[in-house]
N, C-alpha and C. Protein backbone atom coordinates (compact mmCIF):
# COMPACT_ATOMS: atom_id res chain seq x y z
N MET A 1 14.43 -59.22 -10.75
CA MET A 1 14.90 -57.98 -11.32
C MET A 1 13.76 -57.26 -12.02
N ARG A 2 12.97 -58.05 -12.72
CA ARG A 2 11.86 -57.47 -13.43
C ARG A 2 10.88 -56.79 -12.46
N THR A 3 10.67 -57.32 -11.30
CA THR A 3 9.77 -56.76 -10.30
C THR A 3 10.32 -55.44 -9.76
N VAL A 4 11.62 -55.38 -9.52
CA VAL A 4 12.25 -54.16 -9.02
C VAL A 4 12.14 -53.06 -10.05
N VAL A 5 12.43 -53.39 -11.30
CA VAL A 5 12.34 -52.39 -12.37
C VAL A 5 10.90 -51.92 -12.50
N GLY A 6 9.96 -52.83 -12.41
CA GLY A 6 8.55 -52.46 -12.50
C GLY A 6 8.13 -51.56 -11.36
N ALA A 7 8.63 -51.85 -10.16
CA ALA A 7 8.29 -51.01 -9.00
C ALA A 7 8.88 -49.62 -9.17
N VAL A 8 10.11 -49.55 -9.64
CA VAL A 8 10.75 -48.24 -9.84
C VAL A 8 10.00 -47.47 -10.92
N LEU A 9 9.68 -48.14 -12.01
CA LEU A 9 8.93 -47.47 -13.07
C LEU A 9 7.55 -47.05 -12.58
N GLY A 10 6.92 -47.88 -11.79
CA GLY A 10 5.60 -47.55 -11.25
C GLY A 10 5.67 -46.33 -10.34
N ALA A 11 6.68 -46.28 -9.49
CA ALA A 11 6.85 -45.13 -8.60
C ALA A 11 7.13 -43.88 -9.42
N GLY A 12 7.94 -44.03 -10.45
CA GLY A 12 8.24 -42.89 -11.32
C GLY A 12 6.99 -42.39 -12.01
N MET A 13 6.13 -43.30 -12.42
CA MET A 13 4.89 -42.91 -13.08
C MET A 13 3.98 -42.16 -12.12
N LEU A 14 3.95 -42.58 -10.85
CA LEU A 14 3.14 -41.87 -9.86
C LEU A 14 3.62 -40.43 -9.70
N VAL A 15 4.93 -40.25 -9.66
CA VAL A 15 5.49 -38.90 -9.53
C VAL A 15 5.12 -38.09 -10.77
N LEU A 16 5.29 -38.67 -11.94
CA LEU A 16 4.98 -37.96 -13.17
C LEU A 16 3.49 -37.68 -13.31
N GLN A 17 2.66 -38.55 -12.74
CA GLN A 17 1.22 -38.37 -12.86
C GLN A 17 0.67 -37.43 -11.79
N GLY A 18 1.50 -36.87 -10.95
CA GLY A 18 1.02 -35.87 -10.02
C GLY A 18 0.92 -36.31 -8.58
N CYS A 19 1.50 -37.37 -8.21
CA CYS A 19 1.52 -37.76 -6.81
C CYS A 19 2.38 -36.73 -6.08
N PRO A 20 1.81 -35.97 -5.18
CA PRO A 20 2.57 -34.87 -4.57
C PRO A 20 3.68 -35.37 -3.65
N SER A 21 4.78 -34.71 -3.76
CA SER A 21 5.90 -35.02 -2.88
C SER A 21 5.70 -34.29 -1.56
N ALA A 22 6.50 -34.63 -0.59
CA ALA A 22 6.44 -33.94 0.70
C ALA A 22 6.74 -32.46 0.50
N TYR A 23 7.69 -32.17 -0.38
CA TYR A 23 8.03 -30.78 -0.67
C TYR A 23 6.82 -30.04 -1.25
N GLN A 24 6.15 -30.67 -2.20
CA GLN A 24 5.00 -30.03 -2.84
C GLN A 24 3.88 -29.80 -1.84
N ARG A 25 3.64 -30.77 -0.96
CA ARG A 25 2.59 -30.60 0.06
C ARG A 25 2.94 -29.45 1.00
N THR A 26 4.20 -29.35 1.40
CA THR A 26 4.63 -28.26 2.27
C THR A 26 4.47 -26.92 1.56
N TYR A 27 4.88 -26.89 0.31
CA TYR A 27 4.75 -25.66 -0.50
C TYR A 27 3.29 -25.25 -0.61
N ASP A 28 2.42 -26.19 -0.90
CA ASP A 28 0.99 -25.90 -1.04
C ASP A 28 0.40 -25.38 0.27
N LYS A 29 0.77 -25.99 1.39
CA LYS A 29 0.27 -25.54 2.69
C LYS A 29 0.74 -24.13 3.00
N GLU A 30 2.01 -23.86 2.72
CA GLU A 30 2.56 -22.53 2.99
C GLU A 30 1.90 -21.48 2.10
N THR A 31 1.70 -21.82 0.84
CA THR A 31 1.03 -20.91 -0.08
C THR A 31 -0.39 -20.60 0.41
N GLN A 32 -1.08 -21.62 0.83
CA GLN A 32 -2.44 -21.45 1.35
C GLN A 32 -2.43 -20.58 2.62
N ARG A 33 -1.47 -20.81 3.50
CA ARG A 33 -1.37 -20.03 4.74
C ARG A 33 -1.12 -18.56 4.41
N LEU A 34 -0.24 -18.30 3.44
CA LEU A 34 0.06 -16.92 3.05
C LEU A 34 -1.16 -16.24 2.41
N GLU A 35 -1.89 -16.97 1.61
CA GLU A 35 -3.10 -16.41 0.99
C GLU A 35 -4.13 -16.04 2.04
N VAL A 36 -4.30 -16.88 3.04
CA VAL A 36 -5.23 -16.58 4.13
C VAL A 36 -4.76 -15.35 4.90
N ALA A 37 -3.46 -15.28 5.17
CA ALA A 37 -2.91 -14.12 5.89
C ALA A 37 -3.11 -12.84 5.10
N GLN A 38 -2.93 -12.89 3.78
CA GLN A 38 -3.14 -11.71 2.95
C GLN A 38 -4.60 -11.27 2.97
N ARG A 39 -5.52 -12.23 2.90
CA ARG A 39 -6.95 -11.88 2.97
C ARG A 39 -7.28 -11.23 4.31
N GLU A 40 -6.71 -11.78 5.38
CA GLU A 40 -6.95 -11.21 6.71
C GLU A 40 -6.37 -9.80 6.82
N ASP A 41 -5.18 -9.60 6.25
CA ASP A 41 -4.56 -8.26 6.27
C ASP A 41 -5.41 -7.26 5.49
N ARG A 42 -5.91 -7.67 4.33
CA ARG A 42 -6.76 -6.78 3.53
C ARG A 42 -8.05 -6.45 4.28
N ALA A 43 -8.63 -7.44 4.93
CA ALA A 43 -9.87 -7.22 5.68
C ALA A 43 -9.60 -6.27 6.86
N ARG A 44 -8.48 -6.46 7.54
CA ARG A 44 -8.12 -5.60 8.66
C ARG A 44 -7.88 -4.16 8.18
N ALA A 45 -7.19 -4.01 7.05
CA ALA A 45 -6.93 -2.68 6.50
C ALA A 45 -8.24 -2.00 6.09
N ALA A 46 -9.14 -2.76 5.50
CA ALA A 46 -10.43 -2.20 5.09
C ALA A 46 -11.23 -1.76 6.31
N ALA A 47 -11.19 -2.55 7.37
CA ALA A 47 -11.90 -2.18 8.60
C ALA A 47 -11.29 -0.92 9.21
N GLN A 48 -9.97 -0.83 9.21
CA GLN A 48 -9.31 0.37 9.75
C GLN A 48 -9.66 1.59 8.91
N HIS A 49 -9.64 1.43 7.60
CA HIS A 49 -9.97 2.55 6.72
C HIS A 49 -11.40 3.01 6.97
N SER A 50 -12.29 2.07 7.11
CA SER A 50 -13.69 2.40 7.38
C SER A 50 -13.81 3.15 8.70
N ALA A 51 -13.09 2.71 9.70
CA ALA A 51 -13.12 3.39 11.01
C ALA A 51 -12.52 4.79 10.91
N ALA A 52 -11.44 4.94 10.17
CA ALA A 52 -10.77 6.24 10.04
C ALA A 52 -11.64 7.24 9.29
N ARG A 53 -12.46 6.77 8.37
CA ARG A 53 -13.30 7.67 7.58
C ARG A 53 -14.34 8.40 8.43
N ARG A 54 -14.54 7.95 9.65
CA ARG A 54 -15.50 8.63 10.54
C ARG A 54 -15.02 10.02 10.91
N TYR A 55 -13.73 10.25 10.81
CA TYR A 55 -13.15 11.50 11.30
C TYR A 55 -12.91 12.48 10.16
N ALA A 56 -13.24 13.72 10.42
CA ALA A 56 -13.00 14.80 9.47
C ALA A 56 -12.87 16.09 10.27
N SER A 57 -12.22 17.06 9.68
CA SER A 57 -12.09 18.37 10.32
C SER A 57 -12.34 19.45 9.29
N VAL A 58 -12.85 20.56 9.77
CA VAL A 58 -13.01 21.75 8.94
C VAL A 58 -12.36 22.90 9.69
N VAL A 59 -11.50 23.62 8.98
CA VAL A 59 -10.82 24.78 9.55
C VAL A 59 -11.28 26.00 8.77
N TYR A 60 -11.65 27.05 9.49
CA TYR A 60 -12.13 28.28 8.86
C TYR A 60 -11.06 29.36 8.92
N PHE A 61 -11.10 30.27 7.94
CA PHE A 61 -10.08 31.31 7.80
C PHE A 61 -10.73 32.68 7.69
N THR A 62 -9.93 33.70 7.98
CA THR A 62 -10.41 35.07 7.80
C THR A 62 -10.23 35.45 6.33
N VAL A 63 -10.85 36.53 5.94
CA VAL A 63 -10.83 37.00 4.55
C VAL A 63 -9.39 37.20 4.08
N GLY A 64 -9.06 36.62 2.95
CA GLY A 64 -7.76 36.81 2.32
C GLY A 64 -6.58 36.20 3.05
N SER A 65 -6.81 35.32 4.01
CA SER A 65 -5.73 34.78 4.84
C SER A 65 -5.64 33.27 4.73
N ALA A 66 -4.40 32.78 4.87
CA ALA A 66 -4.15 31.34 4.95
C ALA A 66 -3.54 30.99 6.31
N VAL A 67 -3.67 31.90 7.27
CA VAL A 67 -3.14 31.67 8.62
C VAL A 67 -4.16 30.88 9.43
N ILE A 68 -3.69 29.80 10.03
CA ILE A 68 -4.58 28.95 10.84
C ILE A 68 -4.71 29.57 12.23
N GLY A 69 -5.94 29.87 12.61
CA GLY A 69 -6.19 30.46 13.93
C GLY A 69 -6.14 29.42 15.04
N ASP A 70 -6.32 29.90 16.26
CA ASP A 70 -6.27 29.01 17.43
C ASP A 70 -7.32 27.91 17.36
N ASP A 71 -8.54 28.27 16.97
CA ASP A 71 -9.60 27.25 16.86
C ASP A 71 -9.24 26.20 15.82
N GLY A 72 -8.70 26.64 14.71
CA GLY A 72 -8.29 25.71 13.66
C GLY A 72 -7.18 24.79 14.12
N GLN A 73 -6.22 25.34 14.86
CA GLN A 73 -5.13 24.51 15.37
C GLN A 73 -5.66 23.46 16.34
N ARG A 74 -6.59 23.86 17.19
CA ARG A 74 -7.19 22.91 18.13
C ARG A 74 -7.91 21.79 17.37
N GLU A 75 -8.65 22.18 16.35
CA GLU A 75 -9.38 21.20 15.53
C GLU A 75 -8.41 20.23 14.85
N LEU A 76 -7.32 20.75 14.33
CA LEU A 76 -6.36 19.89 13.64
C LEU A 76 -5.60 18.98 14.60
N ARG A 77 -5.30 19.45 15.79
CA ARG A 77 -4.66 18.58 16.79
C ARG A 77 -5.59 17.42 17.15
N TRP A 78 -6.88 17.72 17.27
CA TRP A 78 -7.87 16.67 17.53
C TRP A 78 -7.84 15.64 16.40
N PHE A 79 -7.81 16.12 15.16
CA PHE A 79 -7.80 15.21 14.01
C PHE A 79 -6.54 14.34 14.02
N VAL A 80 -5.39 14.94 14.29
CA VAL A 80 -4.14 14.18 14.35
C VAL A 80 -4.23 13.09 15.41
N GLU A 81 -4.78 13.43 16.56
CA GLU A 81 -4.95 12.44 17.63
C GLU A 81 -5.82 11.27 17.16
N LYS A 82 -6.89 11.58 16.45
CA LYS A 82 -7.79 10.53 15.98
C LYS A 82 -7.15 9.67 14.89
N MET A 83 -6.19 10.21 14.16
CA MET A 83 -5.53 9.47 13.08
C MET A 83 -4.38 8.59 13.56
N GLN A 84 -3.96 8.72 14.80
CA GLN A 84 -2.83 7.94 15.31
C GLN A 84 -2.98 6.44 15.09
N PRO A 85 -4.16 5.86 15.32
CA PRO A 85 -4.28 4.40 15.10
C PRO A 85 -4.32 3.99 13.62
N TYR A 86 -4.31 4.97 12.72
CA TYR A 86 -4.48 4.68 11.30
C TYR A 86 -3.32 5.26 10.48
N PRO A 87 -2.12 4.75 10.67
CA PRO A 87 -0.95 5.36 10.03
C PRO A 87 -0.86 5.15 8.52
N GLU A 88 -1.71 4.34 7.95
CA GLU A 88 -1.65 4.07 6.51
C GLU A 88 -2.67 4.86 5.71
N THR A 89 -3.57 5.56 6.37
CA THR A 89 -4.63 6.25 5.65
C THR A 89 -4.10 7.45 4.87
N VAL A 90 -4.72 7.71 3.75
CA VAL A 90 -4.41 8.88 2.94
C VAL A 90 -5.40 9.98 3.33
N ILE A 91 -4.88 11.18 3.53
CA ILE A 91 -5.69 12.28 4.03
C ILE A 91 -5.81 13.35 2.94
N LEU A 92 -7.05 13.71 2.63
CA LEU A 92 -7.32 14.77 1.66
C LEU A 92 -7.41 16.10 2.40
N VAL A 93 -6.72 17.09 1.89
CA VAL A 93 -6.73 18.43 2.46
C VAL A 93 -7.20 19.36 1.33
N GLN A 94 -8.47 19.77 1.41
CA GLN A 94 -9.09 20.52 0.32
C GLN A 94 -9.41 21.94 0.77
N GLY A 95 -8.83 22.91 0.06
CA GLY A 95 -9.03 24.30 0.40
C GLY A 95 -10.10 24.95 -0.45
N PHE A 96 -10.82 25.90 0.15
CA PHE A 96 -11.90 26.62 -0.53
C PHE A 96 -11.84 28.10 -0.17
N ALA A 97 -12.51 28.90 -0.96
CA ALA A 97 -12.56 30.34 -0.71
C ALA A 97 -13.99 30.84 -0.91
N ASP A 98 -14.26 32.02 -0.36
CA ASP A 98 -15.56 32.64 -0.62
C ASP A 98 -15.48 33.40 -1.94
N SER A 99 -16.54 34.09 -2.30
CA SER A 99 -16.58 34.76 -3.59
C SER A 99 -15.95 36.16 -3.57
N THR A 100 -15.39 36.55 -2.43
CA THR A 100 -14.70 37.84 -2.35
C THR A 100 -13.44 37.76 -3.22
N GLY A 101 -13.24 38.73 -4.07
CA GLY A 101 -12.05 38.73 -4.93
C GLY A 101 -12.29 37.99 -6.23
N LYS A 102 -11.22 37.91 -7.02
CA LYS A 102 -11.30 37.27 -8.34
C LYS A 102 -10.93 35.79 -8.23
N GLU A 103 -11.46 35.01 -9.15
CA GLU A 103 -11.29 33.55 -9.07
C GLU A 103 -9.82 33.10 -9.11
N PRO A 104 -8.96 33.66 -9.96
CA PRO A 104 -7.56 33.18 -9.92
C PRO A 104 -6.92 33.37 -8.54
N GLU A 105 -7.19 34.50 -7.91
CA GLU A 105 -6.64 34.74 -6.57
C GLU A 105 -7.29 33.80 -5.55
N ASN A 106 -8.59 33.57 -5.70
CA ASN A 106 -9.29 32.67 -4.77
C ASN A 106 -8.77 31.24 -4.89
N ARG A 107 -8.49 30.82 -6.11
CA ARG A 107 -7.96 29.47 -6.30
C ARG A 107 -6.57 29.36 -5.66
N SER A 108 -5.76 30.38 -5.85
CA SER A 108 -4.42 30.40 -5.25
C SER A 108 -4.51 30.44 -3.73
N LEU A 109 -5.41 31.27 -3.21
CA LEU A 109 -5.59 31.38 -1.76
C LEU A 109 -6.08 30.05 -1.18
N SER A 110 -7.00 29.39 -1.86
CA SER A 110 -7.51 28.11 -1.35
C SER A 110 -6.41 27.06 -1.34
N ALA A 111 -5.53 27.08 -2.34
CA ALA A 111 -4.40 26.15 -2.36
C ALA A 111 -3.42 26.48 -1.24
N ASP A 112 -3.19 27.78 -0.99
CA ASP A 112 -2.32 28.20 0.13
C ASP A 112 -2.89 27.72 1.46
N ARG A 113 -4.19 27.82 1.62
CA ARG A 113 -4.84 27.35 2.85
C ARG A 113 -4.65 25.84 3.02
N ALA A 114 -4.85 25.11 1.94
CA ALA A 114 -4.67 23.65 2.01
C ALA A 114 -3.23 23.30 2.36
N ARG A 115 -2.27 24.01 1.76
CA ARG A 115 -0.86 23.75 2.08
C ARG A 115 -0.53 24.12 3.52
N ALA A 116 -1.13 25.20 4.02
CA ALA A 116 -0.90 25.59 5.42
C ALA A 116 -1.40 24.50 6.37
N VAL A 117 -2.57 23.97 6.08
CA VAL A 117 -3.12 22.90 6.93
C VAL A 117 -2.26 21.64 6.81
N ALA A 118 -1.86 21.29 5.60
CA ALA A 118 -1.00 20.12 5.42
C ALA A 118 0.32 20.30 6.17
N GLY A 119 0.87 21.50 6.12
CA GLY A 119 2.10 21.79 6.86
C GLY A 119 1.91 21.64 8.36
N PHE A 120 0.78 22.11 8.85
CA PHE A 120 0.48 21.96 10.28
C PHE A 120 0.36 20.48 10.64
N LEU A 121 -0.36 19.72 9.82
CA LEU A 121 -0.51 18.29 10.09
C LEU A 121 0.85 17.59 10.08
N GLY A 122 1.69 17.97 9.13
CA GLY A 122 3.04 17.41 9.07
C GLY A 122 3.83 17.74 10.32
N GLY A 123 3.69 18.96 10.80
CA GLY A 123 4.37 19.37 12.02
C GLY A 123 3.87 18.64 13.26
N GLN A 124 2.68 18.07 13.16
CA GLN A 124 2.10 17.31 14.27
C GLN A 124 2.38 15.81 14.14
N GLY A 125 3.16 15.42 13.12
CA GLY A 125 3.56 14.02 13.01
C GLY A 125 2.91 13.23 11.89
N ILE A 126 2.02 13.83 11.13
CA ILE A 126 1.43 13.12 9.99
C ILE A 126 2.45 13.15 8.85
N ASN A 127 2.81 12.00 8.33
CA ASN A 127 3.79 11.91 7.25
C ASN A 127 3.25 12.62 6.01
N ALA A 128 4.07 13.47 5.42
CA ALA A 128 3.66 14.25 4.25
C ALA A 128 3.24 13.37 3.08
N SER A 129 3.77 12.16 2.99
CA SER A 129 3.40 11.27 1.88
C SER A 129 1.94 10.83 1.97
N ARG A 130 1.33 11.00 3.12
CA ARG A 130 -0.08 10.63 3.31
C ARG A 130 -1.03 11.75 2.93
N LEU A 131 -0.52 12.95 2.68
CA LEU A 131 -1.36 14.12 2.48
C LEU A 131 -1.51 14.47 1.01
N VAL A 132 -2.73 14.67 0.59
CA VAL A 132 -3.04 15.10 -0.77
C VAL A 132 -3.75 16.44 -0.65
N THR A 133 -3.15 17.50 -1.21
CA THR A 133 -3.74 18.83 -1.09
C THR A 133 -4.29 19.30 -2.43
N GLN A 134 -5.33 20.12 -2.34
CA GLN A 134 -5.93 20.69 -3.54
C GLN A 134 -6.66 21.96 -3.14
N GLY A 135 -6.53 22.98 -3.98
CA GLY A 135 -7.28 24.22 -3.79
C GLY A 135 -8.36 24.33 -4.84
N TYR A 136 -9.58 24.62 -4.43
CA TYR A 136 -10.72 24.65 -5.34
C TYR A 136 -11.29 26.04 -5.57
N GLY A 137 -10.72 27.04 -4.95
CA GLY A 137 -11.27 28.39 -5.13
C GLY A 137 -12.69 28.46 -4.62
N THR A 138 -13.58 29.01 -5.45
CA THR A 138 -14.98 29.17 -5.04
C THR A 138 -15.86 27.98 -5.42
N GLU A 139 -15.26 26.94 -6.01
CA GLU A 139 -16.03 25.73 -6.34
C GLU A 139 -16.57 25.10 -5.06
N SER A 140 -17.70 24.47 -5.15
CA SER A 140 -18.30 23.71 -4.05
C SER A 140 -18.47 24.53 -2.77
N PRO A 141 -19.20 25.62 -2.84
CA PRO A 141 -19.41 26.38 -1.60
C PRO A 141 -20.22 25.58 -0.59
N ALA A 142 -19.90 25.78 0.68
CA ALA A 142 -20.64 25.12 1.76
C ALA A 142 -21.93 25.87 2.05
N ALA A 143 -21.96 27.13 1.68
CA ALA A 143 -23.14 27.98 1.91
C ALA A 143 -23.19 29.03 0.81
N ALA A 144 -24.32 29.71 0.73
CA ALA A 144 -24.46 30.78 -0.27
C ALA A 144 -23.51 31.92 0.08
N ASN A 145 -22.92 32.52 -0.92
CA ASN A 145 -21.98 33.62 -0.71
C ASN A 145 -22.68 34.98 -0.59
N VAL A 146 -23.99 35.00 -0.46
CA VAL A 146 -24.73 36.27 -0.43
C VAL A 146 -24.74 36.91 0.95
N THR A 147 -24.41 36.15 1.99
CA THR A 147 -24.39 36.71 3.34
C THR A 147 -22.98 36.58 3.92
N ALA A 148 -22.69 37.41 4.91
CA ALA A 148 -21.39 37.33 5.58
C ALA A 148 -21.20 35.97 6.23
N GLN A 149 -22.27 35.44 6.82
CA GLN A 149 -22.19 34.13 7.46
C GLN A 149 -21.88 33.03 6.43
N GLY A 150 -22.51 33.11 5.27
CA GLY A 150 -22.26 32.14 4.21
C GLY A 150 -20.82 32.21 3.72
N ARG A 151 -20.33 33.43 3.52
CA ARG A 151 -18.94 33.60 3.07
C ARG A 151 -17.97 33.06 4.11
N THR A 152 -18.28 33.26 5.38
CA THR A 152 -17.42 32.73 6.46
C THR A 152 -17.33 31.21 6.36
N ARG A 153 -18.43 30.56 6.11
CA ARG A 153 -18.44 29.09 6.00
C ARG A 153 -17.70 28.60 4.77
N ASN A 154 -17.55 29.45 3.77
CA ASN A 154 -16.87 29.04 2.53
C ASN A 154 -15.36 29.23 2.58
N ARG A 155 -14.87 30.03 3.51
CA ARG A 155 -13.42 30.22 3.68
C ARG A 155 -12.92 29.10 4.58
N ARG A 156 -12.64 27.95 3.99
CA ARG A 156 -12.39 26.77 4.80
C ARG A 156 -11.41 25.82 4.14
N VAL A 157 -10.92 24.90 4.96
CA VAL A 157 -10.20 23.72 4.48
C VAL A 157 -10.88 22.52 5.11
N GLU A 158 -11.22 21.56 4.28
CA GLU A 158 -11.81 20.31 4.75
C GLU A 158 -10.73 19.23 4.76
N VAL A 159 -10.63 18.54 5.87
CA VAL A 159 -9.64 17.47 6.03
C VAL A 159 -10.42 16.18 6.21
N THR A 160 -10.24 15.27 5.27
CA THR A 160 -10.98 14.00 5.30
C THR A 160 -10.05 12.84 4.96
N VAL A 161 -10.52 11.65 5.24
CA VAL A 161 -9.77 10.44 4.89
C VAL A 161 -10.25 9.97 3.54
N ARG A 162 -9.31 9.72 2.66
CA ARG A 162 -9.64 9.27 1.30
C ARG A 162 -10.09 7.84 1.33
């Protein structure tokens, strides 16, 4: 009897001292498998994001307008096509204006341009929750506003992957 009690107490001590049960070993293996899968998912997402960042579009506008022309629509359709493999990416839609007019109107116009482009992208299947729009007015000109060509380059919306 003393031997049986000693064996039971000894087995109990092993459990209390950390001898893993079959359940614990299974739990540990599953936890490890899930951690590896999460690391792989993060690495895959980072690689996709890096690949998606290669693509960007610029759409140009006429003076005082937020209407997307034929060339701009073609450019945006190309961008949408390139984004199809990357449904999780966040897309920045940043509007700008030239120095024609006053800054409050330019800021409003640049925001209208960004919203017009975001609306077009949404109409082409890009989920609106992925789009971040901002109008910057005359901030960050792409070219000097002293020439007509420079002002043309500044009336734009830049579409990039965040």
